[in-house]
Amino acid sequence: MSKITRVNVGKRLSDMAVHNGVAYLAGQVADDTTQDITGQTNQILAVIDKLLATAGSDKTKILMAQIFVANMKEFDGMNKAWDAWVADGNAPPRATIEARLASADYKVEIVVTAAI
């Protein structure tokens, strides 16, 4: 069996697990929840970039993205940040779902799986 590497391991979860050439990221949320959905999305995407780099990957290798938004009325604001970030010609399969998030201050949470 291949080794499993976990990154930023906490009591409850890890930020990422790497196994068999695939990086599985936990749901990422913004640290500064005072920002609007565009600002929160930008923060999350920067963290995703760092985590993927730690695994030896990058956003061009994302296999699937799942985006949870607290209010679909803010969908366009999330997409503004996403569209500016996603690599040309490498837009991954994506699902966007409206959901109640762990904190009322979170406007968006993003989960990605990427090849290494």
PDB file of N, CA and C in Angstrom:
ATOM      1  N   MET A   1       0.838  -1.189   0.000  1.00  0.00           N
ATOM      2  CA  MET A   1       0.000   0.000   0.000  1.00  0.00           C
ATOM      3  C   MET A   1       0.878   1.246   0.000  1.00  0.00           C
ATOM      4  N   SER A   2       0.482   2.222  -0.758  1.00  0.00           N
ATOM      5  CA  SER A   2       1.228   3.480  -0.831  1.00  0.00           C
ATOM      6  C   SER A   2       1.092   4.272   0.461  1.00  0.00           C
ATOM      7  N   LYS A   3       2.104   5.034   0.723  1.00  0.00           N
ATOM      8  CA  LYS A   3       2.137   5.893   1.903  1.00  0.00           C
ATOM      9  C   LYS A   3       1.098   6.999   1.787  1.00  0.00           C
ATOM     10  N   ILE A   4       0.497   7.363   2.905  1.00  0.00           N
ATOM     11  CA  ILE A   4      -0.407   8.517   2.983  1.00  0.00           C
ATOM     12  C   ILE A   4       0.333   9.612   3.745  1.00  0.00           C
ATOM     13  N   THR A   5       0.423  10.781   3.138  1.00  0.00           N
ATOM     14  CA  THR A   5       1.045  11.931   3.783  1.00  0.00           C
ATOM     15  C   THR A   5      -0.054  12.929   4.127  1.00  0.00           C
ATOM     16  N   ARG A   6      -0.063  13.389   5.356  1.00  0.00           N
ATOM     17  CA  ARG A   6      -1.061  14.376   5.798  1.00  0.00           C
ATOM     18  C   ARG A   6      -0.345  15.693   6.097  1.00  0.00           C
ATOM     19  N   VAL A   7      -1.008  16.795   5.770  1.00  0.00           N
ATOM     20  CA  VAL A   7      -0.431  18.133   5.937  1.00  0.00           C
ATOM     21  C   VAL A   7      -1.302  18.935   6.903  1.00  0.00           C
ATOM     22  N   ASN A   8      -0.647  19.629   7.820  1.00  0.00           N
ATOM     23  CA  ASN A   8      -1.336  20.454   8.824  1.00  0.00           C
ATOM     24  C   ASN A   8      -2.370  19.629   9.590  1.00  0.00           C
ATOM     25  N   VAL A   9      -1.873  18.588  10.224  1.00  0.00           N
ATOM     26  CA  VAL A   9      -2.737  17.658  10.946  1.00  0.00           C
ATOM     27  C   VAL A   9      -3.189  18.275  12.258  1.00  0.00           C
ATOM     28  N   GLY A  10      -4.475  18.272  12.467  1.00  0.00           N
ATOM     29  CA  GLY A  10      -5.054  18.740  13.720  1.00  0.00           C
ATOM     30  C   GLY A  10      -5.769  17.595  14.416  1.00  0.00           C
ATOM     31  N   LYS A  11      -6.405  17.897  15.502  1.00  0.00           N
ATOM     32  CA  LYS A  11      -7.137  16.878  16.249  1.00  0.00           C
ATOM     33  C   LYS A  11      -8.317  16.356  15.436  1.00  0.00           C
ATOM     34  N   ARG A  12      -8.974  17.250  14.712  1.00  0.00           N
ATOM     35  CA  ARG A  12     -10.193  16.898  13.992  1.00  0.00           C
ATOM     36  C   ARG A  12      -9.974  16.595  12.517  1.00  0.00           C
ATOM     37  N   LEU A  13      -9.021  17.292  11.889  1.00  0.00           N
ATOM     38  CA  LEU A  13      -8.832  17.105  10.448  1.00  0.00           C
ATOM     39  C   LEU A  13      -7.452  17.553  10.028  1.00  0.00           C
ATOM     40  N   SER A  14      -7.099  17.164   8.811  1.00  0.00           N
ATOM     41  CA  SER A  14      -5.871  17.630   8.157  1.00  0.00           C
ATOM     42  C   SER A  14      -6.286  18.554   7.023  1.00  0.00           C
ATOM     43  N   ASP A  15      -5.423  19.497   6.673  1.00  0.00           N
ATOM     44  CA  ASP A  15      -5.733  20.370   5.536  1.00  0.00           C
ATOM     45  C   ASP A  15      -5.635  19.622   4.214  1.00  0.00           C
ATOM     46  N   MET A  16      -4.785  18.558   4.202  1.00  0.00           N
ATOM     47  CA  MET A  16      -4.598  17.834   2.954  1.00  0.00           C
ATOM     48  C   MET A  16      -4.049  16.446   3.257  1.00  0.00           C
ATOM     49  N   ALA A  17      -4.476  15.492   2.430  1.00  0.00           N
ATOM     50  CA  ALA A  17      -3.888  14.156   2.435  1.00  0.00           C
ATOM     51  C   ALA A  17      -3.420  13.870   1.014  1.00  0.00           C
ATOM     52  N   VAL A  18      -2.256  13.241   0.905  1.00  0.00           N
ATOM     53  CA  VAL A  18      -1.699  12.898  -0.408  1.00  0.00           C
ATOM     54  C   VAL A  18      -1.517  11.388  -0.454  1.00  0.00           C
ATOM     55  N   HIS A  19      -2.050  10.789  -1.529  1.00  0.00           N
ATOM     56  CA  HIS A  19      -1.968   9.337  -1.673  1.00  0.00           C
ATOM     57  C   HIS A  19      -2.015   8.969  -3.152  1.00  0.00           C
ATOM     58  N   ASN A  20      -1.122   8.075  -3.554  1.00  0.00           N
ATOM     59  CA  ASN A  20      -1.102   7.578  -4.942  1.00  0.00           C
ATOM     60  C   ASN A  20      -1.133   8.695  -5.985  1.00  0.00           C
ATOM     61  N   GLY A  21      -0.372   9.745  -5.752  1.00  0.00           N
ATOM     62  CA  GLY A  21      -0.264  10.814  -6.730  1.00  0.00           C
ATOM     63  C   GLY A  21      -1.446  11.753  -6.803  1.00  0.00           C
ATOM     64  N   VAL A  22      -2.286  11.739  -5.763  1.00  0.00           N
ATOM     65  CA  VAL A  22      -3.445  12.630  -5.724  1.00  0.00           C
ATOM     66  C   VAL A  22      -3.447  13.382  -4.399  1.00  0.00           C
ATOM     67  N   ALA A  23      -3.719  14.685  -4.468  1.00  0.00           N
ATOM     68  CA  ALA A  23      -3.846  15.533  -3.278  1.00  0.00           C
ATOM     69  C   ALA A  23      -5.324  15.795  -3.021  1.00  0.00           C
ATOM     70  N   TYR A  24      -5.755  15.480  -1.817  1.00  0.00           N
ATOM     71  CA  TYR A  24      -7.142  15.676  -1.399  1.00  0.00           C
ATOM     72  C   TYR A  24      -7.154  16.786  -0.356  1.00  0.00           C
ATOM     73  N   LEU A  25      -7.739  17.920  -0.687  1.00  0.00           N
ATOM     74  CA  LEU A  25      -7.776  19.040   0.245  1.00  0.00           C
ATOM     75  C   LEU A  25      -9.077  19.036   1.028  1.00  0.00           C
ATOM     76  N   ALA A  26      -8.977  19.391   2.299  1.00  0.00           N
ATOM     77  CA  ALA A  26     -10.169  19.601   3.114  1.00  0.00           C
ATOM     78  C   ALA A  26     -10.844  20.888   2.642  1.00  0.00           C
ATOM     79  N   GLY A  27     -12.061  21.093   3.053  1.00  0.00           N
ATOM     80  CA  GLY A  27     -12.745  22.352   2.751  1.00  0.00           C
ATOM     81  C   GLY A  27     -11.973  23.516   3.333  1.00  0.00           C
ATOM     82  N   GLN A  28     -11.663  24.480   2.491  1.00  0.00           N
ATOM     83  CA  GLN A  28     -10.903  25.655   2.917  1.00  0.00           C
ATOM     84  C   GLN A  28     -11.843  26.844   3.057  1.00  0.00           C
ATOM     85  N   VAL A  29     -11.684  27.588   4.143  1.00  0.00           N
ATOM     86  CA  VAL A  29     -12.488  28.778   4.403  1.00  0.00           C
ATOM     87  C   VAL A  29     -11.566  29.958   4.665  1.00  0.00           C
ATOM     88  N   ALA A  30     -12.123  31.151   4.620  1.00  0.00           N
ATOM     89  CA  ALA A  30     -11.340  32.376   4.802  1.00  0.00           C
ATOM     90  C   ALA A  30     -10.943  32.578   6.263  1.00  0.00           C
ATOM     91  N   ASP A  31      -9.762  33.151   6.470  1.00  0.00           N
ATOM     92  CA  ASP A  31      -9.342  33.554   7.811  1.00  0.00           C
ATOM     93  C   ASP A  31      -9.988  34.879   8.194  1.00  0.00           C
ATOM     94  N   ASP A  32     -10.091  35.804   7.246  1.00  0.00           N
ATOM     95  CA  ASP A  32     -10.696  37.115   7.492  1.00  0.00           C
ATOM     96  C   ASP A  32     -12.130  37.095   6.983  1.00  0.00           C
ATOM     97  N   THR A  33     -13.039  36.801   7.879  1.00  0.00           N
ATOM     98  CA  THR A  33     -14.447  36.670   7.492  1.00  0.00           C
ATOM     99  C   THR A  33     -15.169  38.004   7.403  1.00  0.00           C
ATOM    100  N   THR A  34     -14.440  39.111   7.623  1.00  0.00           N
ATOM    101  CA  THR A  34     -15.073  40.421   7.461  1.00  0.00           C
ATOM    102  C   THR A  34     -15.168  40.806   5.987  1.00  0.00           C
ATOM    103  N   GLN A  35     -14.450  40.089   5.123  1.00  0.00           N
ATOM    104  CA  GLN A  35     -14.454  40.401   3.698  1.00  0.00           C
ATOM    105  C   GLN A  35     -15.714  39.863   3.026  1.00  0.00           C
ATOM    106  N   ASP A  36     -16.043  40.456   1.882  1.00  0.00           N
ATOM    107  CA  ASP A  36     -17.179  39.969   1.103  1.00  0.00           C
ATOM    108  C   ASP A  36     -16.815  38.635   0.458  1.00  0.00           C
ATOM    109  N   ILE A  37     -17.745  38.051  -0.282  1.00  0.00           N
ATOM    110  CA  ILE A  37     -17.497  36.719  -0.851  1.00  0.00           C
ATOM    111  C   ILE A  37     -16.329  36.716  -1.830  1.00  0.00           C
ATOM    112  N   THR A  38     -16.122  37.802  -2.560  1.00  0.00           N
ATOM    113  CA  THR A  38     -14.979  37.871  -3.479  1.00  0.00           C
ATOM    114  C   THR A  38     -13.678  37.849  -2.684  1.00  0.00           C
ATOM    115  N   GLY A  39     -13.601  38.622  -1.632  1.00  0.00           N
ATOM    116  CA  GLY A  39     -12.410  38.650  -0.785  1.00  0.00           C
ATOM    117  C   GLY A  39     -12.163  37.322  -0.100  1.00  0.00           C
ATOM    118  N   GLN A  40     -13.222  36.700   0.415  1.00  0.00           N
ATOM    119  CA  GLN A  40     -13.062  35.397   1.052  1.00  0.00           C
ATOM    120  C   GLN A  40     -12.605  34.349   0.038  1.00  0.00           C
ATOM    121  N   THR A  41     -13.170  34.392  -1.161  1.00  0.00           N
ATOM    122  CA  THR A  41     -12.768  33.434  -2.195  1.00  0.00           C
ATOM    123  C   THR A  41     -11.307  33.629  -2.558  1.00  0.00           C
ATOM    124  N   ASN A  42     -10.863  34.868  -2.704  1.00  0.00           N
ATOM    125  CA  ASN A  42      -9.446  35.133  -3.003  1.00  0.00           C
ATOM    126  C   ASN A  42      -8.534  34.567  -1.926  1.00  0.00           C
ATOM    127  N   GLN A  43      -8.909  34.725  -0.664  1.00  0.00           N
ATOM    128  CA  GLN A  43      -8.110  34.173   0.434  1.00  0.00           C
ATOM    129  C   GLN A  43      -8.004  32.656   0.318  1.00  0.00           C
ATOM    130  N   ILE A  44      -9.142  32.020   0.070  1.00  0.00           N
ATOM    131  CA  ILE A  44      -9.181  30.559  -0.020  1.00  0.00           C
ATOM    132  C   ILE A  44      -8.331  30.070  -1.186  1.00  0.00           C
ATOM    133  N   LEU A  45      -8.441  30.719  -2.321  1.00  0.00           N
ATOM    134  CA  LEU A  45      -7.680  30.295  -3.495  1.00  0.00           C
ATOM    135  C   LEU A  45      -6.182  30.426  -3.259  1.00  0.00           C
ATOM    136  N   ALA A  46      -5.763  31.436  -2.501  1.00  0.00           N
ATOM    137  CA  ALA A  46      -4.341  31.587  -2.164  1.00  0.00           C
ATOM    138  C   ALA A  46      -3.875  30.423  -1.280  1.00  0.00           C
ATOM    139  N   VAL A  47      -4.712  29.994  -0.350  1.00  0.00           N
ATOM    140  CA  VAL A  47      -4.370  28.854   0.504  1.00  0.00           C
ATOM    141  C   VAL A  47      -4.304  27.579  -0.333  1.00  0.00           C
ATOM    142  N   ILE A  48      -5.254  27.413  -1.245  1.00  0.00           N
ATOM    143  CA  ILE A  48      -5.239  26.244  -2.122  1.00  0.00           C
ATOM    144  C   ILE A  48      -3.950  26.212  -2.934  1.00  0.00           C
ATOM    145  N   ASP A  49      -3.535  27.355  -3.467  1.00  0.00           N
ATOM    146  CA  ASP A  49      -2.268  27.423  -4.200  1.00  0.00           C
ATOM    147  C   ASP A  49      -1.110  26.928  -3.336  1.00  0.00           C
ATOM    148  N   LYS A  50      -1.049  27.378  -2.086  1.00  0.00           N
ATOM    149  CA  LYS A  50       0.039  26.982  -1.189  1.00  0.00           C
ATOM    150  C   LYS A  50      -0.004  25.498  -0.870  1.00  0.00           C
ATOM    151  N   LEU A  51      -1.187  24.980  -0.577  1.00  0.00           N
ATOM    152  CA  LEU A  51      -1.302  23.560  -0.265  1.00  0.00           C
ATOM    153  C   LEU A  51      -0.919  22.698  -1.465  1.00  0.00           C
ATOM    154  N   LEU A  52      -1.396  23.069  -2.636  1.00  0.00           N
ATOM    155  CA  LEU A  52      -1.052  22.302  -3.831  1.00  0.00           C
ATOM    156  C   LEU A  52       0.456  22.340  -4.093  1.00  0.00           C
ATOM    157  N   ALA A  53       1.082  23.498  -3.883  1.00  0.00           N
ATOM    158  CA  ALA A  53       2.535  23.611  -4.064  1.00  0.00           C
ATOM    159  C   ALA A  53       3.267  22.697  -3.085  1.00  0.00           C
ATOM    160  N   THR A  54       2.774  22.609  -1.861  1.00  0.00           N
ATOM    161  CA  THR A  54       3.367  21.722  -0.857  1.00  0.00           C
ATOM    162  C   THR A  54       3.353  20.273  -1.340  1.00  0.00           C
ATOM    163  N   ALA A  55       2.303  19.914  -2.070  1.00  0.00           N
ATOM    164  CA  ALA A  55       2.175  18.541  -2.574  1.00  0.00           C
ATOM    165  C   ALA A  55       2.902  18.330  -3.897  1.00  0.00           C
ATOM    166  N   GLY A  56       3.456  19.405  -4.463  1.00  0.00           N
ATOM    167  CA  GLY A  56       4.111  19.299  -5.762  1.00  0.00           C
ATOM    168  C   GLY A  56       3.133  19.396  -6.911  1.00  0.00           C
ATOM    169  N   SER A  57       2.040  20.090  -6.685  1.00  0.00           N
ATOM    170  CA  SER A  57       0.997  20.245  -7.697  1.00  0.00           C
ATOM    171  C   SER A  57       0.689  21.724  -7.884  1.00  0.00           C
ATOM    172  N   ASP A  58      -0.311  22.008  -8.700  1.00  0.00           N
ATOM    173  CA  ASP A  58      -0.774  23.384  -8.877  1.00  0.00           C
ATOM    174  C   ASP A  58      -2.193  23.367  -9.442  1.00  0.00           C
ATOM    175  N   LYS A  59      -2.766  24.539  -9.607  1.00  0.00           N
ATOM    176  CA  LYS A  59      -4.170  24.642 -10.022  1.00  0.00           C
ATOM    177  C   LYS A  59      -4.442  24.089 -11.412  1.00  0.00           C
ATOM    178  N   THR A  60      -3.421  23.915 -12.240  1.00  0.00           N
ATOM    179  CA  THR A  60      -3.647  23.332 -13.570  1.00  0.00           C
ATOM    180  C   THR A  60      -3.906  21.832 -13.483  1.00  0.00           C
ATOM    181  N   LYS A  61      -3.675  21.252 -12.317  1.00  0.00           N
ATOM    182  CA  LYS A  61      -3.829  19.812 -12.140  1.00  0.00           C
ATOM    183  C   LYS A  61      -5.045  19.443 -11.295  1.00  0.00           C
ATOM    184  N   ILE A  62      -5.927  20.414 -11.048  1.00  0.00           N
ATOM    185  CA  ILE A  62      -7.126  20.128 -10.260  1.00  0.00           C
ATOM    186  C   ILE A  62      -8.030  19.190 -11.050  1.00  0.00           C
ATOM    187  N   LEU A  63      -8.412  18.106 -10.403  1.00  0.00           N
ATOM    188  CA  LEU A  63      -9.279  17.106 -11.014  1.00  0.00           C
ATOM    189  C   LEU A  63     -10.752  17.416 -10.779  1.00  0.00           C
ATOM    190  N   MET A  64     -11.064  18.030  -9.621  1.00  0.00           N
ATOM    191  CA  MET A  64     -12.442  18.336  -9.268  1.00  0.00           C
ATOM    192  C   MET A  64     -12.456  19.407  -8.199  1.00  0.00           C
ATOM    193  N   ALA A  65     -13.401  20.334  -8.316  1.00  0.00           N
ATOM    194  CA  ALA A  65     -13.599  21.365  -7.296  1.00  0.00           C
ATOM    195  C   ALA A  65     -15.056  21.333  -6.854  1.00  0.00           C
ATOM    196  N   GLN A  66     -15.245  21.464  -5.557  1.00  0.00           N
ATOM    197  CA  GLN A  66     -16.586  21.581  -4.986  1.00  0.00           C
ATOM    198  C   GLN A  66     -16.619  22.886  -4.214  1.00  0.00           C
ATOM    199  N   ILE A  67     -17.583  23.718  -4.538  1.00  0.00           N
ATOM    200  CA  ILE A  67     -17.684  25.031  -3.910  1.00  0.00           C
ATOM    201  C   ILE A  67     -19.032  25.121  -3.204  1.00  0.00           C
ATOM    202  N   PHE A  68     -18.970  25.495  -1.941  1.00  0.00           N
ATOM    203  CA  PHE A  68     -20.164  25.662  -1.134  1.00  0.00           C
ATOM    204  C   PHE A  68     -20.317  27.140  -0.825  1.00  0.00           C
ATOM    205  N   VAL A  69     -21.439  27.726  -1.198  1.00  0.00           N
ATOM    206  CA  VAL A  69     -21.696  29.137  -0.907  1.00  0.00           C
ATOM    207  C   VAL A  69     -22.875  29.228   0.048  1.00  0.00           C
ATOM    208  N   ALA A  70     -22.782  30.164   0.970  1.00  0.00           N
ATOM    209  CA  ALA A  70     -23.842  30.328   1.961  1.00  0.00           C
ATOM    210  C   ALA A  70     -25.102  30.924   1.346  1.00  0.00           C
ATOM    211  N   ASN A  71     -24.919  31.731   0.313  1.00  0.00           N
ATOM    212  CA  ASN A  71     -26.064  32.411  -0.303  1.00  0.00           C
ATOM    213  C   ASN A  71     -25.827  32.515  -1.804  1.00  0.00           C
ATOM    214  N   MET A  72     -26.641  31.830  -2.590  1.00  0.00           N
ATOM    215  CA  MET A  72     -26.454  31.835  -4.048  1.00  0.00           C
ATOM    216  C   MET A  72     -26.620  33.227  -4.659  1.00  0.00           C
ATOM    217  N   LYS A  73     -27.186  34.159  -3.925  1.00  0.00           N
ATOM    218  CA  LYS A  73     -27.276  35.533  -4.427  1.00  0.00           C
ATOM    219  C   LYS A  73     -25.888  36.146  -4.559  1.00  0.00           C
ATOM    220  N   GLU A  74     -24.885  35.542  -3.892  1.00  0.00           N
ATOM    221  CA  GLU A  74     -23.509  36.033  -3.957  1.00  0.00           C
ATOM    222  C   GLU A  74     -22.645  35.219  -4.930  1.00  0.00           C
ATOM    223  N   PHE A  75     -23.277  34.338  -5.686  1.00  0.00           N
ATOM    224  CA  PHE A  75     -22.603  33.456  -6.633  1.00  0.00           C
ATOM    225  C   PHE A  75     -21.686  34.225  -7.583  1.00  0.00           C
ATOM    226  N   ASP A  76     -22.161  35.339  -8.121  1.00  0.00           N
ATOM    227  CA  ASP A  76     -21.368  36.130  -9.069  1.00  0.00           C
ATOM    228  C   ASP A  76     -20.086  36.666  -8.429  1.00  0.00           C
ATOM    229  N   GLY A  77     -20.155  37.048  -7.168  1.00  0.00           N
ATOM    230  CA  GLY A  77     -18.967  37.545  -6.475  1.00  0.00           C
ATOM    231  C   GLY A  77     -17.912  36.469  -6.297  1.00  0.00           C
ATOM    232  N   MET A  78     -18.357  35.240  -5.998  1.00  0.00           N
ATOM    233  CA  MET A  78     -17.429  34.117  -5.897  1.00  0.00           C
ATOM    234  C   MET A  78     -16.810  33.845  -7.261  1.00  0.00           C
ATOM    235  N   ASN A  79     -17.659  33.831  -8.312  1.00  0.00           N
ATOM    236  CA  ASN A  79     -17.164  33.558  -9.660  1.00  0.00           C
ATOM    237  C   ASN A  79     -16.178  34.618 -10.145  1.00  0.00           C
ATOM    238  N   LYS A  80     -16.332  35.847  -9.680  1.00  0.00           N
ATOM    239  CA  LYS A  80     -15.395  36.915 -10.067  1.00  0.00           C
ATOM    240  C   LYS A  80     -13.973  36.525  -9.649  1.00  0.00           C
ATOM    241  N   ALA A  81     -13.830  36.071  -8.416  1.00  0.00           N
ATOM    242  CA  ALA A  81     -12.507  35.658  -7.931  1.00  0.00           C
ATOM    243  C   ALA A  81     -12.064  34.366  -8.614  1.00  0.00           C
ATOM    244  N   TRP A  82     -12.960  33.418  -8.738  1.00  0.00           N
ATOM    245  CA  TRP A  82     -12.637  32.129  -9.360  1.00  0.00           C
ATOM    246  C   TRP A  82     -12.154  32.327 -10.791  1.00  0.00           C
ATOM    247  N   ASP A  83     -12.900  33.107 -11.576  1.00  0.00           N
ATOM    248  CA  ASP A  83     -12.570  33.303 -12.985  1.00  0.00           C
ATOM    249  C   ASP A  83     -11.205  33.972 -13.170  1.00  0.00           C
ATOM    250  N   ALA A  84     -10.856  34.878 -12.266  1.00  0.00           N
ATOM    251  CA  ALA A  84      -9.553  35.542 -12.344  1.00  0.00           C
ATOM    252  C   ALA A  84      -8.419  34.581 -11.964  1.00  0.00           C
ATOM    253  N   TRP A  85      -8.733  33.559 -11.179  1.00  0.00           N
ATOM    254  CA  TRP A  85      -7.719  32.634 -10.660  1.00  0.00           C
ATOM    255  C   TRP A  85      -7.520  31.397 -11.527  1.00  0.00           C
ATOM    256  N   VAL A  86      -8.592  30.835 -12.035  1.00  0.00           N
ATOM    257  CA  VAL A  86      -8.503  29.554 -12.728  1.00  0.00           C
ATOM    258  C   VAL A  86      -7.589  29.682 -13.946  1.00  0.00           C
ATOM    259  N   ALA A  87      -6.781  28.658 -14.177  1.00  0.00           N
ATOM    260  CA  ALA A  87      -5.802  28.685 -15.270  1.00  0.00           C
ATOM    261  C   ALA A  87      -6.504  28.533 -16.619  1.00  0.00           C
ATOM    262  N   ASP A  88      -6.184  29.413 -17.565  1.00  0.00           N
ATOM    263  CA  ASP A  88      -6.762  29.345 -18.911  1.00  0.00           C
ATOM    264  C   ASP A  88      -6.576  27.955 -19.495  1.00  0.00           C
ATOM    265  N   GLY A  89      -7.652  27.405 -20.022  1.00  0.00           N
ATOM    266  CA  GLY A  89      -7.598  26.096 -20.640  1.00  0.00           C
ATOM    267  C   GLY A  89      -7.554  24.941 -19.660  1.00  0.00           C
ATOM    268  N   ASN A  90      -7.609  25.234 -18.371  1.00  0.00           N
ATOM    269  CA  ASN A  90      -7.529  24.195 -17.343  1.00  0.00           C
ATOM    270  C   ASN A  90      -8.650  24.290 -16.313  1.00  0.00           C
ATOM    271  N   ALA A  91      -9.783  24.853 -16.710  1.00  0.00           N
ATOM    272  CA  ALA A  91     -10.910  24.930 -15.776  1.00  0.00           C
ATOM    273  C   ALA A  91     -11.331  23.503 -15.412  1.00  0.00           C
ATOM    274  N   PRO A  92     -11.311  23.186 -14.122  1.00  0.00           N
ATOM    275  CA  PRO A  92     -11.627  21.809 -13.720  1.00  0.00           C
ATOM    276  C   PRO A  92     -13.140  21.572 -13.680  1.00  0.00           C
ATOM    277  N   PRO A  93     -13.548  20.308 -13.650  1.00  0.00           N
ATOM    278  CA  PRO A  93     -14.945  20.028 -13.353  1.00  0.00           C
ATOM    279  C   PRO A  93     -15.257  20.666 -11.999  1.00  0.00           C
ATOM    280  N   ARG A  94     -16.472  21.178 -11.863  1.00  0.00           N
ATOM    281  CA  ARG A  94     -16.795  21.924 -10.649  1.00  0.00           C
ATOM    282  C   ARG A  94     -18.264  21.779 -10.326  1.00  0.00           C
ATOM    283  N   ALA A  95     -18.563  21.716  -9.049  1.00  0.00           N
ATOM    284  CA  ALA A  95     -19.941  21.773  -8.570  1.00  0.00           C
ATOM    285  C   ALA A  95     -20.024  22.927  -7.584  1.00  0.00           C
ATOM    286  N   THR A  96     -21.104  23.685  -7.659  1.00  0.00           N
ATOM    287  CA  THR A  96     -21.333  24.773  -6.704  1.00  0.00           C
ATOM    288  C   THR A  96     -22.681  24.533  -6.047  1.00  0.00           C
ATOM    289  N   ILE A  97     -22.669  24.516  -4.729  1.00  0.00           N
ATOM    290  CA  ILE A  97     -23.839  24.163  -3.949  1.00  0.00           C
ATOM    291  C   ILE A  97     -24.099  25.248  -2.915  1.00  0.00           C
ATOM    292  N   GLU A  98     -25.357  25.605  -2.709  1.00  0.00           N
ATOM    293  CA  GLU A  98     -25.699  26.488  -1.607  1.00  0.00           C
ATOM    294  C   GLU A  98     -25.833  25.626  -0.355  1.00  0.00           C
ATOM    295  N   ALA A  99     -25.171  26.043   0.725  1.00  0.00           N
ATOM    296  CA  ALA A  99     -25.180  25.254   1.948  1.00  0.00           C
ATOM    297  C   ALA A  99     -24.995  26.143   3.172  1.00  0.00           C
ATOM    298  N   ARG A 100     -25.522  25.689   4.284  1.00  0.00           N
ATOM    299  CA  ARG A 100     -25.241  26.355   5.553  1.00  0.00           C
ATOM    300  C   ARG A 100     -23.843  25.921   5.974  1.00  0.00           C
ATOM    301  N   LEU A 101     -22.940  26.863   6.143  1.00  0.00           N
ATOM    302  CA  LEU A 101     -21.549  26.549   6.471  1.00  0.00           C
ATOM    303  C   LEU A 101     -21.356  26.508   7.985  1.00  0.00           C
ATOM    304  N   ALA A 102     -20.190  26.073   8.425  1.00  0.00           N
ATOM    305  CA  ALA A 102     -19.918  25.849   9.850  1.00  0.00           C
ATOM    306  C   ALA A 102     -20.049  27.105  10.699  1.00  0.00           C
ATOM    307  N   SER A 103     -19.833  28.265  10.098  1.00  0.00           N
ATOM    308  CA  SER A 103     -19.983  29.544  10.792  1.00  0.00           C
ATOM    309  C   SER A 103     -20.802  30.473   9.901  1.00  0.00           C
ATOM    310  N   ALA A 104     -21.654  31.250  10.517  1.00  0.00           N
ATOM    311  CA  ALA A 104     -22.461  32.213   9.758  1.00  0.00           C
ATOM    312  C   ALA A 104     -21.578  33.272   9.090  1.00  0.00           C
ATOM    313  N   ASP A 105     -20.331  33.422   9.548  1.00  0.00           N
ATOM    314  CA  ASP A 105     -19.417  34.402   8.960  1.00  0.00           C
ATOM    315  C   ASP A 105     -18.769  33.911   7.661  1.00  0.00           C
ATOM    316  N   TYR A 106     -18.764  32.610   7.445  1.00  0.00           N
ATOM    317  CA  TYR A 106     -18.206  32.064   6.210  1.00  0.00           C
ATOM    318  C   TYR A 106     -19.199  32.263   5.072  1.00  0.00           C
ATOM    319  N   LYS A 107     -18.701  32.792   3.982  1.00  0.00           N
ATOM    320  CA  LYS A 107     -19.535  32.987   2.797  1.00  0.00           C
ATOM    321  C   LYS A 107     -19.291  31.908   1.756  1.00  0.00           C
ATOM    322  N   VAL A 108     -18.124  31.246   1.835  1.00  0.00           N
ATOM    323  CA  VAL A 108     -17.755  30.254   0.825  1.00  0.00           C
ATOM    324  C   VAL A 108     -16.754  29.269   1.435  1.00  0.00           C
ATOM    325  N   GLU A 109     -16.832  28.024   0.975  1.00  0.00           N
ATOM    326  CA  GLU A 109     -15.881  26.984   1.335  1.00  0.00           C
ATOM    327  C   GLU A 109     -15.572  26.212   0.066  1.00  0.00           C
ATOM    328  N   ILE A 110     -14.291  25.901  -0.138  1.00  0.00           N
ATOM    329  CA  ILE A 110     -13.884  25.239  -1.381  1.00  0.00           C
ATOM    330  C   ILE A 110     -13.068  23.985  -1.060  1.00  0.00           C
ATOM    331  N   VAL A 111     -13.426  22.897  -1.753  1.00  0.00           N
ATOM    332  CA  VAL A 111     -12.740  21.613  -1.654  1.00  0.00           C
ATOM    333  C   VAL A 111     -12.182  21.280  -3.041  1.00  0.00           C
ATOM    334  N   VAL A 112     -10.913  20.891  -3.106  1.00  0.00           N
ATOM    335  CA  VAL A 112     -10.365  20.454  -4.401  1.00  0.00           C
ATOM    336  C   VAL A 112      -9.605  19.146  -4.231  1.00  0.00           C
ATOM    337  N   THR A 113      -9.566  18.416  -5.329  1.00  0.00           N
ATOM    338  CA  THR A 113      -8.764  17.207  -5.471  1.00  0.00           C
ATOM    339  C   THR A 113      -7.890  17.448  -6.696  1.00  0.00           C
ATOM    340  N   ALA A 114      -6.595  17.162  -6.566  1.00  0.00           N
ATOM    341  CA  ALA A 114      -5.672  17.460  -7.659  1.00  0.00           C
ATOM    342  C   ALA A 114      -4.662  16.339  -7.865  1.00  0.00           C
ATOM    343  N   ALA A 115      -4.273  16.154  -9.111  1.00  0.00           N
ATOM    344  CA  ALA A 115      -3.186  15.240  -9.439  1.00  0.00           C
ATOM    345  C   ALA A 115      -1.863  15.899  -9.065  1.00  0.00           C
ATOM    346  N   ILE A 116      -0.880  15.064  -8.841  1.00  0.00           N
ATOM    347  CA  ILE A 116       0.456  15.590  -8.523  1.00  0.00           C
ATOM    348  C   ILE A 116       1.352  15.395  -9.722  1.00  0.00           C
TER     349      ILE A 116
END
